[in-house]
N, C-alpha and C. Protein backbone atom coordinates (compact mmCIF):
# COMPACT_ATOMS: atom_id res chain seq x y z
N UNK A 1 -77.92 19.47 2.89
CA UNK A 1 -79.10 19.20 3.71
C UNK A 1 -79.78 17.91 3.26
N UNK A 2 -79.83 17.69 1.96
CA UNK A 2 -80.49 16.50 1.44
C UNK A 2 -79.74 15.24 1.87
N UNK A 3 -78.39 15.31 1.90
CA UNK A 3 -77.58 14.17 2.32
C UNK A 3 -77.89 13.80 3.77
N UNK A 4 -78.05 14.79 4.63
CA UNK A 4 -78.35 14.55 6.03
C UNK A 4 -79.70 13.83 6.18
N UNK A 5 -80.69 14.27 5.40
CA UNK A 5 -82.01 13.63 5.48
C UNK A 5 -81.96 12.17 5.01
N UNK A 6 -81.18 11.93 3.96
CA UNK A 6 -81.06 10.56 3.45
C UNK A 6 -80.42 9.66 4.51
N UNK A 7 -79.34 10.15 5.11
CA UNK A 7 -78.67 9.37 6.16
C UNK A 7 -79.62 9.14 7.33
N UNK A 8 -80.38 10.19 7.70
CA UNK A 8 -81.33 10.06 8.81
C UNK A 8 -82.38 8.99 8.50
N UNK A 9 -82.98 9.05 7.32
CA UNK A 9 -84.06 8.12 7.00
C UNK A 9 -83.53 6.68 6.83
N UNK A 10 -82.35 6.52 6.29
CA UNK A 10 -81.78 5.17 6.16
C UNK A 10 -81.47 4.60 7.54
N UNK A 11 -80.79 5.37 8.37
CA UNK A 11 -80.41 4.85 9.70
C UNK A 11 -81.65 4.62 10.56
N UNK A 12 -82.63 5.50 10.48
CA UNK A 12 -83.85 5.33 11.27
C UNK A 12 -84.68 4.17 10.75
N UNK A 13 -84.69 3.98 9.45
CA UNK A 13 -85.40 2.83 8.88
C UNK A 13 -84.76 1.52 9.30
N UNK A 14 -83.43 1.45 9.27
CA UNK A 14 -82.75 0.24 9.71
C UNK A 14 -82.94 0.00 11.21
N UNK A 15 -82.89 1.10 12.00
CA UNK A 15 -83.15 0.98 13.44
C UNK A 15 -84.56 0.47 13.67
N UNK A 16 -85.51 0.98 12.91
CA UNK A 16 -86.91 0.54 13.03
C UNK A 16 -87.03 -0.94 12.72
N UNK A 17 -86.39 -1.38 11.64
CA UNK A 17 -86.46 -2.80 11.28
C UNK A 17 -85.87 -3.67 12.38
N UNK A 18 -84.73 -3.27 12.93
CA UNK A 18 -84.08 -4.02 13.99
C UNK A 18 -84.96 -4.10 15.22
N UNK A 19 -85.54 -2.99 15.63
CA UNK A 19 -86.38 -2.97 16.83
C UNK A 19 -87.72 -3.69 16.61
N UNK A 20 -88.27 -3.60 15.40
CA UNK A 20 -89.51 -4.32 15.12
C UNK A 20 -89.27 -5.83 15.12
N UNK A 21 -88.15 -6.27 14.56
CA UNK A 21 -87.84 -7.69 14.59
C UNK A 21 -87.61 -8.16 16.02
N UNK A 22 -86.93 -7.33 16.80
CA UNK A 22 -86.68 -7.66 18.19
C UNK A 22 -87.98 -7.75 18.97
N UNK A 23 -88.84 -6.77 18.84
CA UNK A 23 -90.12 -6.78 19.55
C UNK A 23 -91.00 -7.94 19.09
N UNK A 24 -90.99 -8.21 17.80
CA UNK A 24 -91.76 -9.34 17.28
C UNK A 24 -91.28 -10.66 17.87
N UNK A 25 -89.97 -10.80 17.96
CA UNK A 25 -89.43 -12.01 18.54
C UNK A 25 -89.82 -12.12 20.03
N UNK A 26 -89.81 -10.98 20.72
CA UNK A 26 -90.21 -10.98 22.14
C UNK A 26 -91.64 -11.45 22.31
N UNK A 27 -92.51 -11.06 21.38
CA UNK A 27 -93.93 -11.45 21.48
C UNK A 27 -94.17 -12.89 21.01
N UNK A 28 -93.57 -13.26 19.89
CA UNK A 28 -93.93 -14.53 19.25
C UNK A 28 -93.04 -15.71 19.64
N UNK A 29 -91.82 -15.46 20.10
CA UNK A 29 -90.94 -16.52 20.60
C UNK A 29 -90.65 -16.27 22.08
N UNK A 30 -91.70 -16.01 22.81
CA UNK A 30 -91.55 -15.56 24.20
C UNK A 30 -90.80 -16.56 25.06
N UNK A 31 -91.10 -17.83 24.98
CA UNK A 31 -90.45 -18.83 25.84
C UNK A 31 -88.93 -18.87 25.58
N UNK A 32 -88.54 -18.82 24.33
CA UNK A 32 -87.12 -18.85 23.98
C UNK A 32 -86.42 -17.58 24.45
N UNK A 33 -87.06 -16.44 24.24
CA UNK A 33 -86.48 -15.17 24.64
C UNK A 33 -86.36 -15.09 26.16
N UNK A 34 -87.36 -15.61 26.87
CA UNK A 34 -87.29 -15.65 28.34
C UNK A 34 -86.06 -16.42 28.81
N UNK A 35 -85.77 -17.54 28.17
CA UNK A 35 -84.58 -18.33 28.53
C UNK A 35 -83.29 -17.56 28.26
N UNK A 36 -83.26 -16.86 27.13
CA UNK A 36 -82.06 -16.07 26.80
C UNK A 36 -81.88 -14.96 27.82
N UNK A 37 -82.95 -14.26 28.17
CA UNK A 37 -82.87 -13.17 29.14
C UNK A 37 -82.39 -13.69 30.50
N UNK A 38 -82.95 -14.80 30.94
CA UNK A 38 -82.53 -15.37 32.21
C UNK A 38 -81.07 -15.83 32.14
N UNK A 39 -80.64 -16.34 31.00
CA UNK A 39 -79.25 -16.73 30.83
C UNK A 39 -78.31 -15.54 30.89
N UNK A 40 -78.79 -14.38 30.49
CA UNK A 40 -77.99 -13.17 30.53
C UNK A 40 -78.06 -12.47 31.88
N UNK A 41 -78.89 -13.01 32.77
CA UNK A 41 -78.98 -12.42 34.12
C UNK A 41 -80.12 -11.43 34.30
N UNK A 42 -81.01 -11.32 33.34
CA UNK A 42 -82.16 -10.44 33.44
C UNK A 42 -83.41 -11.26 33.78
N UNK A 43 -84.35 -10.68 34.50
CA UNK A 43 -85.57 -11.42 34.80
C UNK A 43 -86.46 -11.54 33.54
N UNK A 44 -87.18 -12.63 33.45
CA UNK A 44 -88.02 -12.89 32.28
C UNK A 44 -89.21 -11.95 32.18
N UNK A 45 -89.63 -11.39 33.31
CA UNK A 45 -90.82 -10.53 33.28
C UNK A 45 -90.61 -9.20 32.59
N UNK A 46 -89.39 -8.86 32.21
CA UNK A 46 -89.14 -7.59 31.51
C UNK A 46 -89.30 -7.70 30.00
N UNK A 47 -89.46 -8.92 29.49
CA UNK A 47 -89.46 -9.14 28.03
C UNK A 47 -90.63 -8.41 27.36
N UNK A 48 -91.85 -8.64 27.81
CA UNK A 48 -93.02 -8.03 27.18
C UNK A 48 -93.04 -6.50 27.37
N UNK A 49 -92.80 -5.98 28.59
CA UNK A 49 -92.73 -4.52 28.72
C UNK A 49 -91.65 -3.90 27.85
N UNK A 50 -90.52 -4.58 27.68
CA UNK A 50 -89.46 -4.05 26.83
C UNK A 50 -89.90 -4.03 25.36
N UNK A 51 -90.62 -5.06 24.94
CA UNK A 51 -91.15 -5.08 23.56
C UNK A 51 -92.12 -3.93 23.34
N UNK A 52 -93.00 -3.70 24.29
CA UNK A 52 -93.96 -2.59 24.19
C UNK A 52 -93.23 -1.25 24.16
N UNK A 53 -92.21 -1.11 25.01
CA UNK A 53 -91.43 0.14 25.06
C UNK A 53 -90.72 0.38 23.73
N UNK A 54 -90.22 -0.68 23.11
CA UNK A 54 -89.56 -0.52 21.81
C UNK A 54 -90.55 -0.02 20.75
N UNK A 55 -91.73 -0.58 20.74
CA UNK A 55 -92.75 -0.14 19.77
C UNK A 55 -93.15 1.31 20.02
N UNK A 56 -93.35 1.67 21.28
CA UNK A 56 -93.73 3.05 21.61
C UNK A 56 -92.59 4.01 21.29
N UNK A 57 -91.36 3.58 21.50
CA UNK A 57 -90.21 4.41 21.15
C UNK A 57 -90.14 4.69 19.66
N UNK A 58 -90.45 3.69 18.86
CA UNK A 58 -90.47 3.88 17.41
C UNK A 58 -91.57 4.86 17.00
N UNK A 59 -92.72 4.77 17.64
CA UNK A 59 -93.80 5.71 17.36
C UNK A 59 -93.35 7.13 17.70
N UNK A 60 -92.68 7.29 18.84
CA UNK A 60 -92.21 8.62 19.24
C UNK A 60 -91.18 9.17 18.26
N UNK A 61 -90.30 8.31 17.77
CA UNK A 61 -89.28 8.78 16.82
C UNK A 61 -89.88 9.16 15.48
N UNK A 62 -90.81 8.38 14.98
CA UNK A 62 -91.36 8.67 13.65
C UNK A 62 -92.38 9.80 13.66
N UNK A 63 -93.15 9.95 14.74
CA UNK A 63 -94.17 11.01 14.74
C UNK A 63 -93.60 12.37 15.12
N UNK A 64 -92.58 12.40 15.98
CA UNK A 64 -91.95 13.65 16.43
C UNK A 64 -92.97 14.65 16.98
N UNK A 65 -94.01 14.15 17.64
CA UNK A 65 -95.05 15.04 18.18
C UNK A 65 -94.55 15.80 19.41
N UNK A 66 -93.68 15.16 20.19
CA UNK A 66 -93.22 15.75 21.43
C UNK A 66 -91.71 15.59 21.51
N UNK A 67 -91.00 16.68 21.61
CA UNK A 67 -89.52 16.64 21.63
C UNK A 67 -89.00 15.84 22.83
N UNK A 68 -89.65 15.98 23.98
CA UNK A 68 -89.21 15.26 25.17
C UNK A 68 -89.36 13.75 24.97
N UNK A 69 -90.49 13.31 24.42
CA UNK A 69 -90.67 11.89 24.14
C UNK A 69 -89.65 11.37 23.13
N UNK A 70 -89.35 12.19 22.15
CA UNK A 70 -88.35 11.81 21.16
C UNK A 70 -86.99 11.58 21.83
N UNK A 71 -86.58 12.51 22.69
CA UNK A 71 -85.30 12.38 23.40
C UNK A 71 -85.30 11.14 24.30
N UNK A 72 -86.39 10.89 24.99
CA UNK A 72 -86.48 9.71 25.85
C UNK A 72 -86.45 8.43 25.03
N UNK A 73 -87.06 8.44 23.87
CA UNK A 73 -87.03 7.25 23.03
C UNK A 73 -85.61 6.93 22.58
N UNK A 74 -84.89 7.94 22.13
CA UNK A 74 -83.49 7.71 21.75
C UNK A 74 -82.66 7.26 22.94
N UNK A 75 -82.89 7.88 24.09
CA UNK A 75 -82.14 7.48 25.30
C UNK A 75 -82.46 6.02 25.66
N UNK A 76 -83.72 5.66 25.58
CA UNK A 76 -84.11 4.28 25.89
C UNK A 76 -83.46 3.28 24.94
N UNK A 77 -83.46 3.58 23.65
CA UNK A 77 -82.82 2.69 22.68
C UNK A 77 -81.31 2.62 22.92
N UNK A 78 -80.72 3.75 23.26
CA UNK A 78 -79.28 3.76 23.55
C UNK A 78 -78.95 2.87 24.74
N UNK A 79 -79.67 3.06 25.83
CA UNK A 79 -79.39 2.25 27.02
C UNK A 79 -79.72 0.78 26.77
N UNK A 80 -80.77 0.49 26.03
CA UNK A 80 -81.13 -0.89 25.71
C UNK A 80 -80.00 -1.57 24.96
N UNK A 81 -79.46 -0.91 23.94
CA UNK A 81 -78.41 -1.52 23.14
C UNK A 81 -77.10 -1.63 23.90
N UNK A 82 -76.76 -0.62 24.68
CA UNK A 82 -75.51 -0.67 25.46
C UNK A 82 -75.59 -1.77 26.51
N UNK A 83 -76.71 -1.90 27.20
CA UNK A 83 -76.86 -2.96 28.20
C UNK A 83 -76.87 -4.35 27.54
N UNK A 84 -77.41 -4.45 26.32
CA UNK A 84 -77.39 -5.73 25.61
C UNK A 84 -75.95 -6.09 25.22
N UNK A 85 -75.20 -5.11 24.75
CA UNK A 85 -73.79 -5.37 24.43
C UNK A 85 -73.06 -5.87 25.67
N UNK A 86 -73.23 -5.16 26.78
CA UNK A 86 -72.56 -5.51 28.01
C UNK A 86 -72.93 -6.91 28.49
N UNK A 87 -74.21 -7.26 28.41
CA UNK A 87 -74.68 -8.56 28.87
C UNK A 87 -74.08 -9.68 28.01
N UNK A 88 -74.06 -9.49 26.71
CA UNK A 88 -73.52 -10.53 25.83
C UNK A 88 -72.00 -10.65 25.96
N UNK A 89 -71.31 -9.53 26.13
CA UNK A 89 -69.85 -9.60 26.32
C UNK A 89 -69.53 -10.29 27.64
N UNK A 90 -70.26 -9.94 28.69
CA UNK A 90 -70.04 -10.55 30.00
C UNK A 90 -70.32 -12.06 29.96
N UNK A 91 -71.34 -12.47 29.23
CA UNK A 91 -71.70 -13.88 29.11
C UNK A 91 -70.74 -14.60 28.15
N UNK A 92 -70.04 -13.85 27.31
CA UNK A 92 -69.08 -14.38 26.32
C UNK A 92 -69.73 -15.36 25.37
N UNK A 93 -70.96 -15.00 24.92
CA UNK A 93 -71.66 -15.89 23.99
C UNK A 93 -71.49 -15.47 22.53
N UNK A 94 -70.78 -14.35 22.29
CA UNK A 94 -70.50 -13.91 20.94
C UNK A 94 -71.70 -13.33 20.20
N UNK A 95 -72.76 -13.00 20.89
CA UNK A 95 -73.99 -12.50 20.26
C UNK A 95 -74.17 -10.99 20.42
N UNK A 96 -73.10 -10.28 20.61
CA UNK A 96 -73.20 -8.82 20.85
C UNK A 96 -73.31 -8.01 19.57
N UNK A 97 -73.04 -8.59 18.42
CA UNK A 97 -73.00 -7.83 17.16
C UNK A 97 -74.32 -7.13 16.82
N UNK A 98 -75.50 -7.79 16.92
CA UNK A 98 -76.74 -7.06 16.62
C UNK A 98 -76.96 -5.86 17.55
N UNK A 99 -76.59 -6.02 18.81
CA UNK A 99 -76.74 -4.90 19.74
C UNK A 99 -75.77 -3.77 19.40
N UNK A 100 -74.58 -4.12 18.97
CA UNK A 100 -73.60 -3.10 18.56
C UNK A 100 -74.07 -2.35 17.33
N UNK A 101 -74.64 -3.08 16.37
CA UNK A 101 -75.20 -2.43 15.18
C UNK A 101 -76.34 -1.52 15.60
N UNK A 102 -77.18 -1.98 16.52
CA UNK A 102 -78.28 -1.15 17.03
C UNK A 102 -77.78 0.12 17.68
N UNK A 103 -76.72 0.01 18.48
CA UNK A 103 -76.17 1.22 19.14
C UNK A 103 -75.65 2.21 18.12
N UNK A 104 -74.98 1.71 17.09
CA UNK A 104 -74.48 2.59 16.03
C UNK A 104 -75.64 3.27 15.31
N UNK A 105 -76.68 2.49 15.00
CA UNK A 105 -77.85 3.07 14.30
C UNK A 105 -78.54 4.11 15.16
N UNK A 106 -78.64 3.87 16.47
CA UNK A 106 -79.23 4.87 17.37
C UNK A 106 -78.44 6.16 17.33
N UNK A 107 -77.12 6.05 17.43
CA UNK A 107 -76.27 7.25 17.45
C UNK A 107 -76.34 8.00 16.12
N UNK A 108 -76.31 7.27 14.99
CA UNK A 108 -76.37 7.93 13.68
C UNK A 108 -77.73 8.58 13.48
N UNK A 109 -78.80 7.85 13.81
CA UNK A 109 -80.16 8.41 13.64
C UNK A 109 -80.33 9.65 14.49
N UNK A 110 -79.88 9.61 15.74
CA UNK A 110 -80.02 10.75 16.65
C UNK A 110 -79.24 11.94 16.14
N UNK A 111 -77.98 11.70 15.73
CA UNK A 111 -77.15 12.77 15.24
C UNK A 111 -77.73 13.45 14.00
N UNK A 112 -78.20 12.65 13.06
CA UNK A 112 -78.70 13.21 11.82
C UNK A 112 -80.14 13.72 11.94
N UNK A 113 -80.86 13.27 12.98
CA UNK A 113 -82.17 13.87 13.26
C UNK A 113 -82.01 15.33 13.63
N UNK A 114 -80.94 15.64 14.34
CA UNK A 114 -80.65 17.02 14.73
C UNK A 114 -80.24 17.86 13.53
N UNK A 115 -79.52 17.24 12.59
CA UNK A 115 -79.02 17.98 11.43
C UNK A 115 -80.05 18.13 10.32
N UNK A 116 -80.97 17.17 10.23
CA UNK A 116 -81.92 17.18 9.11
C UNK A 116 -83.05 18.18 9.33
């Protein structure tokens, strides 16, 4: 049981760091991120709402106040990372690795949240 908790906290901590860095970049390097999003085929107006959603998802995961919100947060992170992988692979810019790491962290954190 202790091993499961350790894996959960490590994977969730790394996922948190990744999403916090991503959201921070969305807020503080907005012009550059807007160009990247438009280059990937996404509209620039989704950048700030996506950053807010990432922060709220992290709050839902760490507080565990509502099981439904927790499930939606994991689902949102999963879809975010999968769509990011797909966009980068389709664009062939070679920048899919952080999204792939994020997807793995989401799956590991979700799996071990259930076990811990």
